[in-house]
Amino acid sequence: MIVDEDALYAALKDGHLAGRRARCLVAIPHPGRAGPEASRRPFHELANVLITPHSSNSSTERDRRQHWSVVAVNLYRFARGEPLENIVLET
């Protein structure tokens, strides 16, 4: 998906969009560019944005069970108001 980050950020910040969920916020690499670029906008600072890590689908049943057990633990912790585990922060 191609997104105008400046327009999206402004719409989220100003409340014109209620919220946004994103798997990742990086530009896709192009020939002649060294690699993916981080978003130019601080989406992670907006309360109405949920960013989850971008990861490939696991190839084994054991990997899928492990992945979903981490998700389930964090849903349980969230429901109880406890700190979440395995948080990925933009650096």
PDB file of N, CA and C in Angstrom:
ATOM      1  N   MET A   1       0.843  -1.159   0.000  1.00  0.00           N
ATOM      2  CA  MET A   1       0.000   0.000   0.000  1.00  0.00           C
ATOM      3  C   MET A   1       0.896   1.232   0.000  1.00  0.00           C
ATOM      4  N   ILE A   2       0.569   2.189  -0.816  1.00  0.00           N
ATOM      5  CA  ILE A   2       1.304   3.448  -0.848  1.00  0.00           C
ATOM      6  C   ILE A   2       0.477   4.481  -0.105  1.00  0.00           C
ATOM      7  N   VAL A   3       1.108   5.161   0.839  1.00  0.00           N
ATOM      8  CA  VAL A   3       0.401   6.115   1.691  1.00  0.00           C
ATOM      9  C   VAL A   3       1.152   7.441   1.693  1.00  0.00           C
ATOM     10  N   ASP A   4       0.419   8.525   1.606  1.00  0.00           N
ATOM     11  CA  ASP A   4       0.991   9.851   1.782  1.00  0.00           C
ATOM     12  C   ASP A   4       1.125  10.060   3.292  1.00  0.00           C
ATOM     13  N   GLU A   5       2.337   9.827   3.826  1.00  0.00           N
ATOM     14  CA  GLU A   5       2.544   9.874   5.276  1.00  0.00           C
ATOM     15  C   GLU A   5       2.195  11.231   5.877  1.00  0.00           C
ATOM     16  N   ASP A   6       2.530  12.312   5.188  1.00  0.00           N
ATOM     17  CA  ASP A   6       2.246  13.644   5.722  1.00  0.00           C
ATOM     18  C   ASP A   6       0.743  13.856   5.886  1.00  0.00           C
ATOM     19  N   ALA A   7      -0.030  13.475   4.867  1.00  0.00           N
ATOM     20  CA  ALA A   7      -1.479  13.641   4.929  1.00  0.00           C
ATOM     21  C   ALA A   7      -2.091  12.714   5.980  1.00  0.00           C
ATOM     22  N   LEU A   8      -1.612  11.473   6.050  1.00  0.00           N
ATOM     23  CA  LEU A   8      -2.126  10.526   7.037  1.00  0.00           C
ATOM     24  C   LEU A   8      -1.841  11.011   8.453  1.00  0.00           C
ATOM     25  N   TYR A   9      -0.615  11.458   8.690  1.00  0.00           N
ATOM     26  CA  TYR A   9      -0.246  11.947  10.024  1.00  0.00           C
ATOM     27  C   TYR A   9      -1.120  13.145  10.418  1.00  0.00           C
ATOM     28  N   ALA A  10      -1.286  14.091   9.498  1.00  0.00           N
ATOM     29  CA  ALA A  10      -2.097  15.280   9.793  1.00  0.00           C
ATOM     30  C   ALA A  10      -3.539  14.890  10.105  1.00  0.00           C
ATOM     31  N   ALA A  11      -4.103  13.972   9.319  1.00  0.00           N
ATOM     32  CA  ALA A  11      -5.490  13.549   9.538  1.00  0.00           C
ATOM     33  C   ALA A  11      -5.660  12.848  10.877  1.00  0.00           C
ATOM     34  N   LEU A  12      -4.692  12.026  11.264  1.00  0.00           N
ATOM     35  CA  LEU A  12      -4.757  11.343  12.560  1.00  0.00           C
ATOM     36  C   LEU A  12      -4.576  12.329  13.707  1.00  0.00           C
ATOM     37  N   LYS A  13      -3.599  13.204  13.581  1.00  0.00           N
ATOM     38  CA  LYS A  13      -3.311  14.167  14.649  1.00  0.00           C
ATOM     39  C   LYS A  13      -4.475  15.136  14.866  1.00  0.00           C
ATOM     40  N   ASP A  14      -5.105  15.566  13.760  1.00  0.00           N
ATOM     41  CA  ASP A  14      -6.205  16.530  13.849  1.00  0.00           C
ATOM     42  C   ASP A  14      -7.545  15.890  14.160  1.00  0.00           C
ATOM     43  N   GLY A  15      -7.598  14.551  14.216  1.00  0.00           N
ATOM     44  CA  GLY A  15      -8.835  13.858  14.533  1.00  0.00           C
ATOM     45  C   GLY A  15      -9.756  13.649  13.343  1.00  0.00           C
ATOM     46  N   HIS A  16      -9.289  13.922  12.125  1.00  0.00           N
ATOM     47  CA  HIS A  16     -10.114  13.667  10.943  1.00  0.00           C
ATOM     48  C   HIS A  16     -10.243  12.164  10.680  1.00  0.00           C
ATOM     49  N   LEU A  17      -9.294  11.383  11.160  1.00  0.00           N
ATOM     50  CA  LEU A  17      -9.374   9.929  11.151  1.00  0.00           C
ATOM     51  C   LEU A  17      -9.400   9.468  12.600  1.00  0.00           C
ATOM     52  N   ALA A  18     -10.283   8.527  12.908  1.00  0.00           N
ATOM     53  CA  ALA A  18     -10.410   8.058  14.289  1.00  0.00           C
ATOM     54  C   ALA A  18      -9.202   7.254  14.736  1.00  0.00           C
ATOM     55  N   GLY A  19      -8.586   6.525  13.820  1.00  0.00           N
ATOM     56  CA  GLY A  19      -7.456   5.703  14.218  1.00  0.00           C
ATOM     57  C   GLY A  19      -6.842   4.991  13.030  1.00  0.00           C
ATOM     58  N   ARG A  20      -5.714   4.353  13.310  1.00  0.00           N
ATOM     59  CA  ARG A  20      -4.976   3.620  12.277  1.00  0.00           C
ATOM     60  C   ARG A  20      -4.224   2.487  12.931  1.00  0.00           C
ATOM     61  N   ARG A  21      -4.293   1.301  12.295  1.00  0.00           N
ATOM     62  CA  ARG A  21      -3.476   0.172  12.712  1.00  0.00           C
ATOM     63  C   ARG A  21      -2.525  -0.106  11.569  1.00  0.00           C
ATOM     64  N   ALA A  22      -1.263  -0.288  11.892  1.00  0.00           N
ATOM     65  CA  ALA A  22      -0.276  -0.545  10.846  1.00  0.00           C
ATOM     66  C   ALA A  22       0.651  -1.666  11.280  1.00  0.00           C
ATOM     67  N   ARG A  23       1.003  -2.549  10.331  1.00  0.00           N
ATOM     68  CA  ARG A  23       1.971  -3.605  10.624  1.00  0.00           C
ATOM     69  C   ARG A  23       3.365  -3.029  10.729  1.00  0.00           C
ATOM     70  N   CYS A  24       3.647  -2.030   9.955  1.00  0.00           N
ATOM     71  CA  CYS A  24       4.966  -1.417   9.984  1.00  0.00           C
ATOM     72  C   CYS A  24       4.862  -0.038   9.353  1.00  0.00           C
ATOM     73  N   LEU A  25       5.847   0.767   9.602  1.00  0.00           N
ATOM     74  CA  LEU A  25       5.884   2.103   9.025  1.00  0.00           C
ATOM     75  C   LEU A  25       7.252   2.339   8.416  1.00  0.00           C
ATOM     76  N   VAL A  26       7.498   1.714   7.315  1.00  0.00           N
ATOM     77  CA  VAL A  26       8.764   1.919   6.603  1.00  0.00           C
ATOM     78  C   VAL A  26       8.489   1.972   5.115  1.00  0.00           C
ATOM     79  N   ALA A  27       9.378   2.622   4.417  1.00  0.00           N
ATOM     80  CA  ALA A  27       9.278   2.665   2.959  1.00  0.00           C
ATOM     81  C   ALA A  27       9.883   1.394   2.389  1.00  0.00           C
ATOM     82  N   ILE A  28       9.339   0.918   1.315  1.00  0.00           N
ATOM     83  CA  ILE A  28       9.871  -0.263   0.634  1.00  0.00           C
ATOM     84  C   ILE A  28      11.161   0.132  -0.075  1.00  0.00           C
ATOM     85  N   PRO A  29      12.212  -0.683   0.016  1.00  0.00           N
ATOM     86  CA  PRO A  29      13.464  -0.347  -0.660  1.00  0.00           C
ATOM     87  C   PRO A  29      13.293  -0.261  -2.181  1.00  0.00           C
ATOM     88  N   HIS A  30      14.027   0.625  -2.792  1.00  0.00           N
ATOM     89  CA  HIS A  30      14.012   0.808  -4.238  1.00  0.00           C
ATOM     90  C   HIS A  30      15.439   0.723  -4.761  1.00  0.00           C
ATOM     91  N   PRO A  31      15.610   0.373  -6.019  1.00  0.00           N
ATOM     92  CA  PRO A  31      16.965   0.358  -6.591  1.00  0.00           C
ATOM     93  C   PRO A  31      17.631   1.727  -6.419  1.00  0.00           C
ATOM     94  N   GLY A  32      18.889   1.689  -6.023  1.00  0.00           N
ATOM     95  CA  GLY A  32      19.622   2.933  -5.824  1.00  0.00           C
ATOM     96  C   GLY A  32      19.500   3.500  -4.422  1.00  0.00           C
ATOM     97  N   ARG A  33      18.650   2.903  -3.593  1.00  0.00           N
ATOM     98  CA  ARG A  33      18.507   3.356  -2.206  1.00  0.00           C
ATOM     99  C   ARG A  33      19.049   2.262  -1.309  1.00  0.00           C
ATOM    100  N   ALA A  34      19.767   2.643  -0.269  1.00  0.00           N
ATOM    101  CA  ALA A  34      20.472   1.684   0.577  1.00  0.00           C
ATOM    102  C   ALA A  34      19.543   0.682   1.255  1.00  0.00           C
ATOM    103  N   GLY A  35      18.397   1.090   1.707  1.00  0.00           N
ATOM    104  CA  GLY A  35      17.520   0.166   2.412  1.00  0.00           C
ATOM    105  C   GLY A  35      16.241   0.851   2.841  1.00  0.00           C
ATOM    106  N   PRO A  36      15.398   0.172   3.638  1.00  0.00           N
ATOM    107  CA  PRO A  36      14.148   0.773   4.083  1.00  0.00           C
ATOM    108  C   PRO A  36      14.412   2.014   4.933  1.00  0.00           C
ATOM    109  N   GLU A  37      13.530   2.960   4.835  1.00  0.00           N
ATOM    110  CA  GLU A  37      13.630   4.173   5.638  1.00  0.00           C
ATOM    111  C   GLU A  37      12.526   4.166   6.681  1.00  0.00           C
ATOM    112  N   ALA A  38      12.840   4.658   7.855  1.00  0.00           N
ATOM    113  CA  ALA A  38      11.820   4.795   8.891  1.00  0.00           C
ATOM    114  C   ALA A  38      10.876   5.927   8.500  1.00  0.00           C
ATOM    115  N   SER A  39       9.694   5.916   9.055  1.00  0.00           N
ATOM    116  CA  SER A  39       8.737   6.978   8.796  1.00  0.00           C
ATOM    117  C   SER A  39       9.323   8.325   9.222  1.00  0.00           C
ATOM    118  N   ARG A  40       9.004   9.354   8.468  1.00  0.00           N
ATOM    119  CA  ARG A  40       9.459  10.704   8.814  1.00  0.00           C
ATOM    120  C   ARG A  40       8.586  11.318   9.902  1.00  0.00           C
ATOM    121  N   ARG A  41       7.445  10.769  10.155  1.00  0.00           N
ATOM    122  CA  ARG A  41       6.489  11.317  11.120  1.00  0.00           C
ATOM    123  C   ARG A  41       6.442  10.450  12.378  1.00  0.00           C
ATOM    124  N   PRO A  42       6.237  11.063  13.546  1.00  0.00           N
ATOM    125  CA  PRO A  42       6.200  10.312  14.811  1.00  0.00           C
ATOM    126  C   PRO A  42       4.824   9.674  15.081  1.00  0.00           C
ATOM    127  N   PHE A  43       4.428   8.751  14.213  1.00  0.00           N
ATOM    128  CA  PHE A  43       3.141   8.078  14.400  1.00  0.00           C
ATOM    129  C   PHE A  43       3.055   7.414  15.769  1.00  0.00           C
ATOM    130  N   HIS A  44       4.168   6.907  16.271  1.00  0.00           N
ATOM    131  CA  HIS A  44       4.174   6.188  17.549  1.00  0.00           C
ATOM    132  C   HIS A  44       3.788   7.080  18.722  1.00  0.00           C
ATOM    133  N   GLU A  45       3.807   8.392  18.552  1.00  0.00           N
ATOM    134  CA  GLU A  45       3.424   9.314  19.620  1.00  0.00           C
ATOM    135  C   GLU A  45       1.921   9.572  19.667  1.00  0.00           C
ATOM    136  N   LEU A  46       1.193   9.154  18.651  1.00  0.00           N
ATOM    137  CA  LEU A  46      -0.245   9.400  18.587  1.00  0.00           C
ATOM    138  C   LEU A  46      -1.013   8.297  19.308  1.00  0.00           C
ATOM    139  N   ALA A  47      -1.941   8.697  20.166  1.00  0.00           N
ATOM    140  CA  ALA A  47      -2.721   7.729  20.946  1.00  0.00           C
ATOM    141  C   ALA A  47      -3.674   6.921  20.083  1.00  0.00           C
ATOM    142  N   ASN A  48      -4.035   7.421  18.912  1.00  0.00           N
ATOM    143  CA  ASN A  48      -4.996   6.719  18.057  1.00  0.00           C
ATOM    144  C   ASN A  48      -4.321   5.867  16.981  1.00  0.00           C
ATOM    145  N   VAL A  49      -3.038   5.536  17.193  1.00  0.00           N
ATOM    146  CA  VAL A  49      -2.302   4.697  16.250  1.00  0.00           C
ATOM    147  C   VAL A  49      -1.775   3.466  16.972  1.00  0.00           C
ATOM    148  N   LEU A  50      -2.019   2.305  16.393  1.00  0.00           N
ATOM    149  CA  LEU A  50      -1.504   1.044  16.928  1.00  0.00           C
ATOM    150  C   LEU A  50      -0.558   0.467  15.887  1.00  0.00           C
ATOM    151  N   ILE A  51       0.714   0.305  16.273  1.00  0.00           N
ATOM    152  CA  ILE A  51       1.719  -0.228  15.362  1.00  0.00           C
ATOM    153  C   ILE A  51       2.171  -1.588  15.878  1.00  0.00           C
ATOM    154  N   THR A  52       2.124  -2.571  15.022  1.00  0.00           N
ATOM    155  CA  THR A  52       2.593  -3.899  15.381  1.00  0.00           C
ATOM    156  C   THR A  52       3.790  -4.246  14.510  1.00  0.00           C
ATOM    157  N   PRO A  53       4.685  -5.106  14.983  1.00  0.00           N
ATOM    158  CA  PRO A  53       5.867  -5.435  14.188  1.00  0.00           C
ATOM    159  C   PRO A  53       5.503  -6.173  12.907  1.00  0.00           C
ATOM    160  N   HIS A  54       6.267  -5.919  11.882  1.00  0.00           N
ATOM    161  CA  HIS A  54       6.094  -6.608  10.609  1.00  0.00           C
ATOM    162  C   HIS A  54       6.948  -7.871  10.650  1.00  0.00           C
ATOM    163  N   SER A  55       6.332  -9.000  10.501  1.00  0.00           N
ATOM    164  CA  SER A  55       7.093 -10.250  10.513  1.00  0.00           C
ATOM    165  C   SER A  55       6.475 -11.215   9.521  1.00  0.00           C
ATOM    166  N   SER A  56       7.287 -12.070   8.997  1.00  0.00           N
ATOM    167  CA  SER A  56       6.800 -13.075   8.055  1.00  0.00           C
ATOM    168  C   SER A  56       5.986 -14.128   8.790  1.00  0.00           C
ATOM    169  N   ASN A  57       5.125 -14.780   8.078  1.00  0.00           N
ATOM    170  CA  ASN A  57       4.333 -15.844   8.668  1.00  0.00           C
ATOM    171  C   ASN A  57       5.251 -17.006   9.043  1.00  0.00           C
ATOM    172  N   SER A  58       5.057 -17.549  10.205  1.00  0.00           N
ATOM    173  CA  SER A  58       5.859 -18.689  10.642  1.00  0.00           C
ATOM    174  C   SER A  58       5.564 -19.897   9.778  1.00  0.00           C
ATOM    175  N   SER A  59       6.574 -20.747   9.620  1.00  0.00           N
ATOM    176  CA  SER A  59       6.414 -21.880   8.714  1.00  0.00           C
ATOM    177  C   SER A  59       6.018 -23.169   9.420  1.00  0.00           C
ATOM    178  N   THR A  60       6.159 -23.233  10.724  1.00  0.00           N
ATOM    179  CA  THR A  60       5.812 -24.471  11.416  1.00  0.00           C
ATOM    180  C   THR A  60       4.679 -24.230  12.403  1.00  0.00           C
ATOM    181  N   GLU A  61       3.969 -25.303  12.700  1.00  0.00           N
ATOM    182  CA  GLU A  61       2.868 -25.214  13.665  1.00  0.00           C
ATOM    183  C   GLU A  61       3.380 -24.749  15.027  1.00  0.00           C
ATOM    184  N   ARG A  62       4.547 -25.258  15.434  1.00  0.00           N
ATOM    185  CA  ARG A  62       5.124 -24.855  16.724  1.00  0.00           C
ATOM    186  C   ARG A  62       5.394 -23.357  16.760  1.00  0.00           C
ATOM    187  N   ASP A  63       5.926 -22.807  15.666  1.00  0.00           N
ATOM    188  CA  ASP A  63       6.182 -21.366  15.602  1.00  0.00           C
ATOM    189  C   ASP A  63       4.889 -20.568  15.703  1.00  0.00           C
ATOM    190  N   ARG A  64       3.845 -21.043  15.011  1.00  0.00           N
ATOM    191  CA  ARG A  64       2.556 -20.346  15.071  1.00  0.00           C
ATOM    192  C   ARG A  64       1.973 -20.395  16.480  1.00  0.00           C
ATOM    193  N   ARG A  65       2.061 -21.544  17.147  1.00  0.00           N
ATOM    194  CA  ARG A  65       1.555 -21.642  18.522  1.00  0.00           C
ATOM    195  C   ARG A  65       2.312 -20.693  19.437  1.00  0.00           C
ATOM    196  N   GLN A  66       3.631 -20.638  19.282  1.00  0.00           N
ATOM    197  CA  GLN A  66       4.442 -19.756  20.120  1.00  0.00           C
ATOM    198  C   GLN A  66       4.066 -18.293  19.869  1.00  0.00           C
ATOM    199  N   HIS A  67       3.915 -17.923  18.611  1.00  0.00           N
ATOM    200  CA  HIS A  67       3.541 -16.556  18.269  1.00  0.00           C
ATOM    201  C   HIS A  67       2.218 -16.173  18.934  1.00  0.00           C
ATOM    202  N   TRP A  68       1.194 -17.014  18.763  1.00  0.00           N
ATOM    203  CA  TRP A  68      -0.120 -16.683  19.311  1.00  0.00           C
ATOM    204  C   TRP A  68      -0.155 -16.763  20.828  1.00  0.00           C
ATOM    205  N   SER A  69       0.726 -17.552  21.438  1.00  0.00           N
ATOM    206  CA  SER A  69       0.759 -17.565  22.905  1.00  0.00           C
ATOM    207  C   SER A  69       1.281 -16.237  23.440  1.00  0.00           C
ATOM    208  N   VAL A  70       2.236 -15.627  22.732  1.00  0.00           N
ATOM    209  CA  VAL A  70       2.726 -14.294  23.130  1.00  0.00           C
ATOM    210  C   VAL A  70       1.602 -13.272  22.998  1.00  0.00           C
ATOM    211  N   VAL A  71       0.845 -13.344  21.912  1.00  0.00           N
ATOM    212  CA  VAL A  71      -0.283 -12.434  21.714  1.00  0.00           C
ATOM    213  C   VAL A  71      -1.307 -12.622  22.824  1.00  0.00           C
ATOM    214  N   ALA A  72      -1.633 -13.868  23.144  1.00  0.00           N
ATOM    215  CA  ALA A  72      -2.631 -14.150  24.181  1.00  0.00           C
ATOM    216  C   ALA A  72      -2.187 -13.631  25.541  1.00  0.00           C
ATOM    217  N   VAL A  73      -0.925 -13.817  25.872  1.00  0.00           N
ATOM    218  CA  VAL A  73      -0.412 -13.318  27.159  1.00  0.00           C
ATOM    219  C   VAL A  73      -0.564 -11.796  27.220  1.00  0.00           C
ATOM    220  N   ASN A  74      -0.225 -11.104  26.138  1.00  0.00           N
ATOM    221  CA  ASN A  74      -0.337  -9.651  26.159  1.00  0.00           C
ATOM    222  C   ASN A  74      -1.787  -9.177  26.201  1.00  0.00           C
ATOM    223  N   LEU A  75      -2.696  -9.892  25.551  1.00  0.00           N
ATOM    224  CA  LEU A  75      -4.115  -9.533  25.660  1.00  0.00           C
ATOM    225  C   LEU A  75      -4.587  -9.677  27.103  1.00  0.00           C
ATOM    226  N   TYR A  76      -4.179 -10.757  27.754  1.00  0.00           N
ATOM    227  CA  TYR A  76      -4.524 -10.977  29.162  1.00  0.00           C
ATOM    228  C   TYR A  76      -3.947  -9.865  30.028  1.00  0.00           C
ATOM    229  N   ARG A  77      -2.663  -9.531  29.815  1.00  0.00           N
ATOM    230  CA  ARG A  77      -2.007  -8.472  30.599  1.00  0.00           C
ATOM    231  C   ARG A  77      -2.696  -7.121  30.371  1.00  0.00           C
ATOM    232  N   PHE A  78      -3.050  -6.837  29.106  1.00  0.00           N
ATOM    233  CA  PHE A  78      -3.726  -5.586  28.776  1.00  0.00           C
ATOM    234  C   PHE A  78      -5.066  -5.490  29.503  1.00  0.00           C
ATOM    235  N   ALA A  79      -5.837  -6.574  29.490  1.00  0.00           N
ATOM    236  CA  ALA A  79      -7.149  -6.594  30.137  1.00  0.00           C
ATOM    237  C   ALA A  79      -7.044  -6.372  31.637  1.00  0.00           C
ATOM    238  N   ARG A  80      -5.936  -6.786  32.237  1.00  0.00           N
ATOM    239  CA  ARG A  80      -5.733  -6.623  33.679  1.00  0.00           C
ATOM    240  C   ARG A  80      -5.007  -5.327  34.024  1.00  0.00           C
ATOM    241  N   GLY A  81      -4.660  -4.521  33.012  1.00  0.00           N
ATOM    242  CA  GLY A  81      -3.963  -3.262  33.264  1.00  0.00           C
ATOM    243  C   GLY A  81      -2.499  -3.445  33.608  1.00  0.00           C
ATOM    244  N   GLU A  82      -1.938  -4.587  33.244  1.00  0.00           N
ATOM    245  CA  GLU A  82      -0.539  -4.873  33.537  1.00  0.00           C
ATOM    246  C   GLU A  82       0.346  -4.442  32.374  1.00  0.00           C
ATOM    247  N   PRO A  83       1.652  -4.216  32.634  1.00  0.00           N
ATOM    248  CA  PRO A  83       2.561  -3.853  31.545  1.00  0.00           C
ATOM    249  C   PRO A  83       2.645  -4.977  30.503  1.00  0.00           C
ATOM    250  N   LEU A  84       2.727  -4.584  29.237  1.00  0.00           N
ATOM    251  CA  LEU A  84       2.837  -5.566  28.166  1.00  0.00           C
ATOM    252  C   LEU A  84       4.269  -6.054  28.024  1.00  0.00           C
ATOM    253  N   GLU A  85       4.426  -7.238  27.464  1.00  0.00           N
ATOM    254  CA  GLU A  85       5.741  -7.817  27.232  1.00  0.00           C
ATOM    255  C   GLU A  85       6.097  -7.744  25.755  1.00  0.00           C
ATOM    256  N   ASN A  86       7.395  -7.816  25.460  1.00  0.00           N
ATOM    257  CA  ASN A  86       7.882  -7.869  24.075  1.00  0.00           C
ATOM    258  C   ASN A  86       7.451  -6.665  23.241  1.00  0.00           C
ATOM    259  N   ILE A  87       7.518  -5.497  23.829  1.00  0.00           N
ATOM    260  CA  ILE A  87       7.133  -4.287  23.110  1.00  0.00           C
ATOM    261  C   ILE A  87       8.254  -3.894  22.159  1.00  0.00           C
ATOM    262  N   VAL A  88       7.874  -3.542  20.939  1.00  0.00           N
ATOM    263  CA  VAL A  88       8.833  -3.101  19.931  1.00  0.00           C
ATOM    264  C   VAL A  88       8.697  -1.587  19.814  1.00  0.00           C
ATOM    265  N   LEU A  89       9.787  -0.884  20.070  1.00  0.00           N
ATOM    266  CA  LEU A  89       9.776   0.574  19.984  1.00  0.00           C
ATOM    267  C   LEU A  89      10.624   1.034  18.829  1.00  0.00           C
ATOM    268  N   GLU A  90      10.213   2.135  18.245  1.00  0.00           N
ATOM    269  CA  GLU A  90      11.018   2.733  17.170  1.00  0.00           C
ATOM    270  C   GLU A  90      12.248   3.360  17.801  1.00  0.00           C
ATOM    271  N   THR A  91      13.409   3.112  17.218  1.00  0.00           N
ATOM    272  CA  THR A  91      14.640   3.684  17.758  1.00  0.00           C
ATOM    273  C   THR A  91      15.182   4.758  16.851  1.00  0.00           C
TER     274      THR A  91
END
